[in-house]
Each structure stands twice: as C-alpha cells, then as structure tokens.
Amino acid sequence: MVQRKTFPAPGDYTISVATERMKDGRWSAVTTIRHTTSQSERAIDLPVSPDARFSTESEAETFEVGRALEWIEKNSPSGTSA
C-alpha cells in the first residue's frame, strides 16, 4: 500500500513523499515538490531513483526529503529558500 506524507519546506514550498513497500520487503519512494504563490501552484516531480531501496519507510522518507531540500536550495529564486 502506498503511503503519502507532506513535509514542510523553506519558503513557499512543500514536499510530498509517497512510499511503498516492494515485493522484496524493501521500501521505495517518489517525491513531488510544490511551489505555491498567490497566483499559481507548480508541481515538480523529482526523477525516480530506481535503485534506491531502503530497509525502513523512515529511511526512504528521509532520503527523499533530503533530495527535495537540496533541489529547493539549488533551484529556488534567491531569498525564497530561507
């Protein structure tokens, strides 16, 4: 079963992580970053890491949230990520 959680992020961003337990018992995750302004909302799906599998759901979430925060830091306009 897929589990979806939303995590806070700097600026006008939120991070949504969907985790799923695979047939081999390990966990996989995918991430969507949402950037919301007063006039629009943009969804950025991070590329899937097909070989990234984790022993626990928490490890999968932590990995994906870290990737998302890194993306926000590198790609947000100056002054909006803090």
PDB file of N, CA and C in Angstrom:
ATOM      1  N   MET A   1       0.834  -1.175   0.000  1.00  0.00           N
ATOM      2  CA  MET A   1       0.000   0.000   0.000  1.00  0.00           C
ATOM      3  C   MET A   1       0.885   1.246   0.000  1.00  0.00           C
ATOM      4  N   VAL A   2       0.515   2.214  -0.801  1.00  0.00           N
ATOM      5  CA  VAL A   2       1.256   3.465  -0.902  1.00  0.00           C
ATOM      6  C   VAL A   2       0.862   4.390   0.245  1.00  0.00           C
ATOM      7  N   GLN A   3       1.863   4.968   0.880  1.00  0.00           N
ATOM      8  CA  GLN A   3       1.656   5.941   1.955  1.00  0.00           C
ATOM      9  C   GLN A   3       2.143   7.303   1.462  1.00  0.00           C
ATOM     10  N   ARG A   4       1.321   8.337   1.624  1.00  0.00           N
ATOM     11  CA  ARG A   4       1.714   9.684   1.214  1.00  0.00           C
ATOM     12  C   ARG A   4       1.782  10.591   2.438  1.00  0.00           C
ATOM     13  N   LYS A   5       2.856  11.375   2.498  1.00  0.00           N
ATOM     14  CA  LYS A   5       3.025  12.334   3.591  1.00  0.00           C
ATOM     15  C   LYS A   5       3.528  13.648   3.016  1.00  0.00           C
ATOM     16  N   THR A   6       3.150  14.734   3.677  1.00  0.00           N
ATOM     17  CA  THR A   6       3.608  16.063   3.277  1.00  0.00           C
ATOM     18  C   THR A   6       4.488  16.632   4.380  1.00  0.00           C
ATOM     19  N   PHE A   7       5.605  17.213   3.961  1.00  0.00           N
ATOM     20  CA  PHE A   7       6.582  17.771   4.888  1.00  0.00           C
ATOM     21  C   PHE A   7       6.759  19.257   4.604  1.00  0.00           C
ATOM     22  N   PRO A   8       6.958  20.065   5.648  1.00  0.00           N
ATOM     23  CA  PRO A   8       7.204  21.492   5.424  1.00  0.00           C
ATOM     24  C   PRO A   8       8.569  21.700   4.779  1.00  0.00           C
ATOM     25  N   ALA A   9       8.686  22.802   4.066  1.00  0.00           N
ATOM     26  CA  ALA A   9       9.947  23.158   3.425  1.00  0.00           C
ATOM     27  C   ALA A   9      10.091  24.674   3.483  1.00  0.00           C
ATOM     28  N   PRO A  10      11.291  25.171   3.237  1.00  0.00           N
ATOM     29  CA  PRO A  10      11.510  26.620   3.276  1.00  0.00           C
ATOM     30  C   PRO A  10      10.682  27.359   2.219  1.00  0.00           C
ATOM     31  N   GLY A  11      10.449  28.623   2.479  1.00  0.00           N
ATOM     32  CA  GLY A  11       9.774  29.473   1.503  1.00  0.00           C
ATOM     33  C   GLY A  11       8.349  29.030   1.240  1.00  0.00           C
ATOM     34  N   ASP A  12       7.946  29.121   0.010  1.00  0.00           N
ATOM     35  CA  ASP A  12       6.584  28.768  -0.404  1.00  0.00           C
ATOM     36  C   ASP A  12       6.507  27.336  -0.927  1.00  0.00           C
ATOM     37  N   TYR A  13       7.349  26.455  -0.418  1.00  0.00           N
ATOM     38  CA  TYR A  13       7.428  25.080  -0.896  1.00  0.00           C
ATOM     39  C   TYR A  13       6.864  24.096   0.122  1.00  0.00           C
ATOM     40  N   THR A  14       6.358  22.984  -0.380  1.00  0.00           N
ATOM     41  CA  THR A  14       6.052  21.813   0.442  1.00  0.00           C
ATOM     42  C   THR A  14       6.606  20.596  -0.288  1.00  0.00           C
ATOM     43  N   ILE A  15       6.870  19.555   0.478  1.00  0.00           N
ATOM     44  CA  ILE A  15       7.433  18.320  -0.067  1.00  0.00           C
ATOM     45  C   ILE A  15       6.449  17.193   0.209  1.00  0.00           C
ATOM     46  N   SER A  16       6.041  16.493  -0.847  1.00  0.00           N
ATOM     47  CA  SER A  16       5.160  15.334  -0.698  1.00  0.00           C
ATOM     48  C   SER A  16       5.942  14.085  -1.078  1.00  0.00           C
ATOM     49  N   VAL A  17       5.948  13.109  -0.175  1.00  0.00           N
ATOM     50  CA  VAL A  17       6.668  11.862  -0.410  1.00  0.00           C
ATOM     51  C   VAL A  17       5.673  10.706  -0.372  1.00  0.00           C
ATOM     52  N   ALA A  18       5.722   9.884  -1.401  1.00  0.00           N
ATOM     53  CA  ALA A  18       4.910   8.667  -1.433  1.00  0.00           C
ATOM     54  C   ALA A  18       5.855   7.480  -1.284  1.00  0.00           C
ATOM     55  N   THR A  19       5.603   6.644  -0.279  1.00  0.00           N
ATOM     56  CA  THR A  19       6.433   5.460  -0.053  1.00  0.00           C
ATOM     57  C   THR A  19       5.614   4.208  -0.320  1.00  0.00           C
ATOM     58  N   GLU A  20       6.314   3.166  -0.706  1.00  0.00           N
ATOM     59  CA  GLU A  20       5.645   1.890  -0.965  1.00  0.00           C
ATOM     60  C   GLU A  20       6.585   0.747  -0.611  1.00  0.00           C
ATOM     61  N   ARG A  21       6.034  -0.246   0.050  1.00  0.00           N
ATOM     62  CA  ARG A  21       6.812  -1.451   0.350  1.00  0.00           C
ATOM     63  C   ARG A  21       6.771  -2.352  -0.882  1.00  0.00           C
ATOM     64  N   MET A  22       7.946  -2.716  -1.363  1.00  0.00           N
ATOM     65  CA  MET A  22       8.061  -3.520  -2.573  1.00  0.00           C
ATOM     66  C   MET A  22       7.910  -5.006  -2.240  1.00  0.00           C
ATOM     67  N   LYS A  23       7.797  -5.823  -3.281  1.00  0.00           N
ATOM     68  CA  LYS A  23       7.610  -7.267  -3.085  1.00  0.00           C
ATOM     69  C   LYS A  23       8.748  -7.907  -2.305  1.00  0.00           C
ATOM     70  N   ASP A  24       9.955  -7.337  -2.432  1.00  0.00           N
ATOM     71  CA  ASP A  24      11.107  -7.902  -1.718  1.00  0.00           C
ATOM     72  C   ASP A  24      11.179  -7.442  -0.259  1.00  0.00           C
ATOM     73  N   GLY A  25      10.189  -6.634   0.178  1.00  0.00           N
ATOM     74  CA  GLY A  25      10.149  -6.172   1.558  1.00  0.00           C
ATOM     75  C   GLY A  25      10.850  -4.849   1.804  1.00  0.00           C
ATOM     76  N   ARG A  26      11.583  -4.372   0.812  1.00  0.00           N
ATOM     77  CA  ARG A  26      12.283  -3.095   0.967  1.00  0.00           C
ATOM     78  C   ARG A  26      11.361  -1.954   0.544  1.00  0.00           C
ATOM     79  N   TRP A  27      11.736  -0.731   0.900  1.00  0.00           N
ATOM     80  CA  TRP A  27      10.903   0.437   0.651  1.00  0.00           C
ATOM     81  C   TRP A  27      11.451   1.282  -0.492  1.00  0.00           C
ATOM     82  N   SER A  28      10.533   1.849  -1.273  1.00  0.00           N
ATOM     83  CA  SER A  28      10.847   2.764  -2.357  1.00  0.00           C
ATOM     84  C   SER A  28      10.043   4.043  -2.131  1.00  0.00           C
ATOM     85  N   ALA A  29      10.491   5.153  -2.719  1.00  0.00           N
ATOM     86  CA  ALA A  29       9.769   6.416  -2.539  1.00  0.00           C
ATOM     87  C   ALA A  29       9.918   7.305  -3.765  1.00  0.00           C
ATOM     88  N   VAL A  30       8.923   8.158  -3.966  1.00  0.00           N
ATOM     89  CA  VAL A  30       8.960   9.190  -5.001  1.00  0.00           C
ATOM     90  C   VAL A  30       8.549  10.510  -4.355  1.00  0.00           C
ATOM     91  N   THR A  31       8.989  11.614  -4.967  1.00  0.00           N
ATOM     92  CA  THR A  31       8.783  12.923  -4.354  1.00  0.00           C
ATOM     93  C   THR A  31       8.237  13.942  -5.337  1.00  0.00           C
ATOM     94  N   THR A  32       7.310  14.759  -4.836  1.00  0.00           N
ATOM     95  CA  THR A  32       6.815  15.919  -5.565  1.00  0.00           C
ATOM     96  C   THR A  32       7.040  17.149  -4.693  1.00  0.00           C
ATOM     97  N   ILE A  33       7.633  18.163  -5.287  1.00  0.00           N
ATOM     98  CA  ILE A  33       7.824  19.445  -4.617  1.00  0.00           C
ATOM     99  C   ILE A  33       6.743  20.381  -5.148  1.00  0.00           C
ATOM    100  N   ARG A  34       6.054  21.063  -4.250  1.00  0.00           N
ATOM    101  CA  ARG A  34       5.038  22.037  -4.659  1.00  0.00           C
ATOM    102  C   ARG A  34       5.500  23.436  -4.267  1.00  0.00           C
ATOM    103  N   HIS A  35       5.424  24.328  -5.258  1.00  0.00           N
ATOM    104  CA  HIS A  35       5.733  25.739  -5.022  1.00  0.00           C
ATOM    105  C   HIS A  35       4.442  26.512  -5.232  1.00  0.00           C
ATOM    106  N   THR A  36       3.967  27.147  -4.172  1.00  0.00           N
ATOM    107  CA  THR A  36       2.691  27.852  -4.216  1.00  0.00           C
ATOM    108  C   THR A  36       2.909  29.347  -4.047  1.00  0.00           C
ATOM    109  N   THR A  37       2.280  30.113  -4.929  1.00  0.00           N
ATOM    110  CA  THR A  37       2.278  31.568  -4.809  1.00  0.00           C
ATOM    111  C   THR A  37       0.827  32.026  -4.741  1.00  0.00           C
ATOM    112  N   SER A  38       0.623  33.310  -4.623  1.00  0.00           N
ATOM    113  CA  SER A  38      -0.746  33.825  -4.558  1.00  0.00           C
ATOM    114  C   SER A  38      -1.494  33.640  -5.873  1.00  0.00           C
ATOM    115  N   GLN A  39      -0.765  33.399  -6.960  1.00  0.00           N
ATOM    116  CA  GLN A  39      -1.401  33.290  -8.268  1.00  0.00           C
ATOM    117  C   GLN A  39      -1.307  31.912  -8.907  1.00  0.00           C
ATOM    118  N   SER A  40      -0.486  31.035  -8.367  1.00  0.00           N
ATOM    119  CA  SER A  40      -0.329  29.741  -9.035  1.00  0.00           C
ATOM    120  C   SER A  40       0.266  28.690  -8.108  1.00  0.00           C
ATOM    121  N   GLU A  41       0.240  27.457  -8.589  1.00  0.00           N
ATOM    122  CA  GLU A  41       0.908  26.351  -7.909  1.00  0.00           C
ATOM    123  C   GLU A  41       1.650  25.547  -8.966  1.00  0.00           C
ATOM    124  N   ARG A  42       2.883  25.214  -8.671  1.00  0.00           N
ATOM    125  CA  ARG A  42       3.718  24.443  -9.590  1.00  0.00           C
ATOM    126  C   ARG A  42       4.134  23.153  -8.897  1.00  0.00           C
ATOM    127  N   ALA A  43       3.995  22.034  -9.582  1.00  0.00           N
ATOM    128  CA  ALA A  43       4.426  20.744  -9.045  1.00  0.00           C
ATOM    129  C   ALA A  43       5.664  20.284  -9.804  1.00  0.00           C
ATOM    130  N   ILE A  44       6.692  19.916  -9.053  1.00  0.00           N
ATOM    131  CA  ILE A  44       7.942  19.427  -9.633  1.00  0.00           C
ATOM    132  C   ILE A  44       8.140  17.998  -9.148  1.00  0.00           C
ATOM    133  N   ASP A  45       8.057  17.040 -10.057  1.00  0.00           N
ATOM    134  CA  ASP A  45       8.307  15.643  -9.707  1.00  0.00           C
ATOM    135  C   ASP A  45       9.798  15.374  -9.853  1.00  0.00           C
ATOM    136  N   LEU A  46      10.431  14.957  -8.771  1.00  0.00           N
ATOM    137  CA  LEU A  46      11.849  14.615  -8.857  1.00  0.00           C
ATOM    138  C   LEU A  46      12.007  13.311  -9.623  1.00  0.00           C
ATOM    139  N   PRO A  47      13.112  13.164 -10.347  1.00  0.00           N
ATOM    140  CA  PRO A  47      13.348  11.903 -11.054  1.00  0.00           C
ATOM    141  C   PRO A  47      13.369  10.733 -10.067  1.00  0.00           C
ATOM    142  N   VAL A  48      12.808   9.634 -10.489  1.00  0.00           N
ATOM    143  CA  VAL A  48      12.772   8.435  -9.646  1.00  0.00           C
ATOM    144  C   VAL A  48      14.168   7.838  -9.576  1.00  0.00           C
ATOM    145  N   SER A  49      14.550   7.410  -8.390  1.00  0.00           N
ATOM    146  CA  SER A  49      15.819   6.704  -8.204  1.00  0.00           C
ATOM    147  C   SER A  49      15.504   5.211  -8.198  1.00  0.00           C
ATOM    148  N   PRO A  50      15.529   4.549  -9.356  1.00  0.00           N
ATOM    149  CA  PRO A  50      15.054   3.167  -9.440  1.00  0.00           C
ATOM    150  C   PRO A  50      15.832   2.175  -8.585  1.00  0.00           C
ATOM    151  N   ASP A  51      17.080   2.468  -8.296  1.00  0.00           N
ATOM    152  CA  ASP A  51      17.886   1.546  -7.496  1.00  0.00           C
ATOM    153  C   ASP A  51      17.877   1.886  -6.009  1.00  0.00           C
ATOM    154  N   ALA A  52      17.218   2.977  -5.646  1.00  0.00           N
ATOM    155  CA  ALA A  52      17.188   3.388  -4.240  1.00  0.00           C
ATOM    156  C   ALA A  52      16.106   2.605  -3.504  1.00  0.00           C
ATOM    157  N   ARG A  53      16.534   1.661  -2.688  1.00  0.00           N
ATOM    158  CA  ARG A  53      15.625   0.852  -1.870  1.00  0.00           C
ATOM    159  C   ARG A  53      16.137   0.906  -0.440  1.00  0.00           C
ATOM    160  N   PHE A  54      15.215   0.875   0.505  1.00  0.00           N
ATOM    161  CA  PHE A  54      15.570   1.106   1.896  1.00  0.00           C
ATOM    162  C   PHE A  54      14.975   0.039   2.796  1.00  0.00           C
ATOM    163  N   SER A  55      15.611  -0.161   3.935  1.00  0.00           N
ATOM    164  CA  SER A  55      15.147  -1.166   4.896  1.00  0.00           C
ATOM    165  C   SER A  55      13.875  -0.737   5.599  1.00  0.00           C
ATOM    166  N   THR A  56      13.710   0.581   5.788  1.00  0.00           N
ATOM    167  CA  THR A  56      12.528   1.069   6.500  1.00  0.00           C
ATOM    168  C   THR A  56      11.865   2.201   5.721  1.00  0.00           C
ATOM    169  N   GLU A  57      10.599   2.411   6.018  1.00  0.00           N
ATOM    170  CA  GLU A  57       9.862   3.517   5.411  1.00  0.00           C
ATOM    171  C   GLU A  57      10.487   4.855   5.808  1.00  0.00           C
ATOM    172  N   SER A  58      10.898   4.961   7.057  1.00  0.00           N
ATOM    173  CA  SER A  58      11.513   6.190   7.551  1.00  0.00           C
ATOM    174  C   SER A  58      12.788   6.537   6.783  1.00  0.00           C
ATOM    175  N   GLU A  59      13.606   5.540   6.487  1.00  0.00           N
ATOM    176  CA  GLU A  59      14.829   5.777   5.708  1.00  0.00           C
ATOM    177  C   GLU A  59      14.489   6.291   4.314  1.00  0.00           C
ATOM    178  N   ALA A  60      13.470   5.720   3.696  1.00  0.00           N
ATOM    179  CA  ALA A  60      13.051   6.155   2.361  1.00  0.00           C
ATOM    180  C   ALA A  60      12.571   7.603   2.395  1.00  0.00           C
ATOM    181  N   GLU A  61      11.755   7.940   3.390  1.00  0.00           N
ATOM    182  CA  GLU A  61      11.256   9.309   3.531  1.00  0.00           C
ATOM    183  C   GLU A  61      12.404  10.290   3.745  1.00  0.00           C
ATOM    184  N   THR A  62      13.312   9.961   4.643  1.00  0.00           N
ATOM    185  CA  THR A  62      14.438  10.842   4.952  1.00  0.00           C
ATOM    186  C   THR A  62      15.287  11.097   3.713  1.00  0.00           C
ATOM    187  N   PHE A  63      15.554  10.055   2.945  1.00  0.00           N
ATOM    188  CA  PHE A  63      16.332  10.185   1.715  1.00  0.00           C
ATOM    189  C   PHE A  63      15.647  11.142   0.742  1.00  0.00           C
ATOM    190  N   GLU A  64      14.348  10.951   0.525  1.00  0.00           N
ATOM    191  CA  GLU A  64      13.621  11.768  -0.445  1.00  0.00           C
ATOM    192  C   GLU A  64      13.448  13.207   0.025  1.00  0.00           C
ATOM    193  N   VAL A  65      13.192  13.420   1.299  1.00  0.00           N
ATOM    194  CA  VAL A  65      13.090  14.789   1.815  1.00  0.00           C
ATOM    195  C   VAL A  65      14.431  15.503   1.636  1.00  0.00           C
ATOM    196  N   GLY A  66      15.524  14.805   1.883  1.00  0.00           N
ATOM    197  CA  GLY A  66      16.849  15.389   1.669  1.00  0.00           C
ATOM    198  C   GLY A  66      17.080  15.783   0.221  1.00  0.00           C
ATOM    199  N   ARG A  67      16.676  14.916  -0.703  1.00  0.00           N
ATOM    200  CA  ARG A  67      16.797  15.234  -2.132  1.00  0.00           C
ATOM    201  C   ARG A  67      15.979  16.471  -2.478  1.00  0.00           C
ATOM    202  N   ALA A  68      14.770  16.542  -1.928  1.00  0.00           N
ATOM    203  CA  ALA A  68      13.889  17.672  -2.220  1.00  0.00           C
ATOM    204  C   ALA A  68      14.458  18.979  -1.668  1.00  0.00           C
ATOM    205  N   LEU A  69      14.955  18.943  -0.438  1.00  0.00           N
ATOM    206  CA  LEU A  69      15.544  20.152   0.147  1.00  0.00           C
ATOM    207  C   LEU A  69      16.757  20.620  -0.659  1.00  0.00           C
ATOM    208  N   GLU A  70      17.539  19.680  -1.139  1.00  0.00           N
ATOM    209  CA  GLU A  70      18.688  20.022  -1.978  1.00  0.00           C
ATOM    210  C   GLU A  70      18.222  20.677  -3.276  1.00  0.00           C
ATOM    211  N   TRP A  71      17.163  20.119  -3.891  1.00  0.00           N
ATOM    212  CA  TRP A  71      16.621  20.691  -5.126  1.00  0.00           C
ATOM    213  C   TRP A  71      16.139  22.116  -4.873  1.00  0.00           C
ATOM    214  N   ILE A  72      15.409  22.319  -3.782  1.00  0.00           N
ATOM    215  CA  ILE A  72      14.893  23.653  -3.454  1.00  0.00           C
ATOM    216  C   ILE A  72      16.049  24.632  -3.275  1.00  0.00           C
ATOM    217  N   GLU A  73      17.070  24.221  -2.547  1.00  0.00           N
ATOM    218  CA  GLU A  73      18.229  25.090  -2.312  1.00  0.00           C
ATOM    219  C   GLU A  73      18.886  25.504  -3.629  1.00  0.00           C
ATOM    220  N   LYS A  74      19.017  24.578  -4.561  1.00  0.00           N
ATOM    221  CA  LYS A  74      19.691  24.850  -5.831  1.00  0.00           C
ATOM    222  C   LYS A  74      18.815  25.603  -6.823  1.00  0.00           C
ATOM    223  N   ASN A  75      17.499  25.446  -6.737  1.00  0.00           N
ATOM    224  CA  ASN A  75      16.620  25.945  -7.791  1.00  0.00           C
ATOM    225  C   ASN A  75      15.662  27.059  -7.400  1.00  0.00           C
ATOM    226  N   SER A  76      15.559  27.372  -6.136  1.00  0.00           N
ATOM    227  CA  SER A  76      14.633  28.437  -5.750  1.00  0.00           C
ATOM    228  C   SER A  76      15.256  29.796  -6.048  1.00  0.00           C
ATOM    229  N   PRO A  77      14.410  30.772  -6.365  1.00  0.00           N
ATOM    230  CA  PRO A  77      14.939  32.124  -6.580  1.00  0.00           C
ATOM    231  C   PRO A  77      15.649  32.616  -5.320  1.00  0.00           C
ATOM    232  N   SER A  78      16.640  33.412  -5.483  1.00  0.00           N
ATOM    233  CA  SER A  78      17.416  33.931  -4.354  1.00  0.00           C
ATOM    234  C   SER A  78      16.507  34.587  -3.326  1.00  0.00           C
ATOM    235  N   GLY A  79      16.700  34.180  -2.066  1.00  0.00           N
ATOM    236  CA  GLY A  79      15.950  34.789  -0.986  1.00  0.00           C
ATOM    237  C   GLY A  79      14.662  34.086  -0.624  1.00  0.00           C
ATOM    238  N   THR A  80      14.225  33.059  -1.375  1.00  0.00           N
ATOM    239  CA  THR A  80      12.953  32.405  -1.050  1.00  0.00           C
ATOM    240  C   THR A  80      13.131  31.067  -0.375  1.00  0.00           C
ATOM    241  N   SER A  81      14.345  30.560  -0.269  1.00  0.00           N
ATOM    242  CA  SER A  81      14.537  29.235   0.324  1.00  0.00           C
ATOM    243  C   SER A  81      14.872  29.294   1.806  1.00  0.00           C
ATOM    244  N   ALA A  82      15.024  30.457   2.369  1.00  0.00           N
ATOM    245  CA  ALA A  82      15.372  30.558   3.789  1.00  0.00           C
ATOM    246  C   ALA A  82      14.215  31.068   4.609  1.00  0.00           C
TER     247      ALA A  82
END
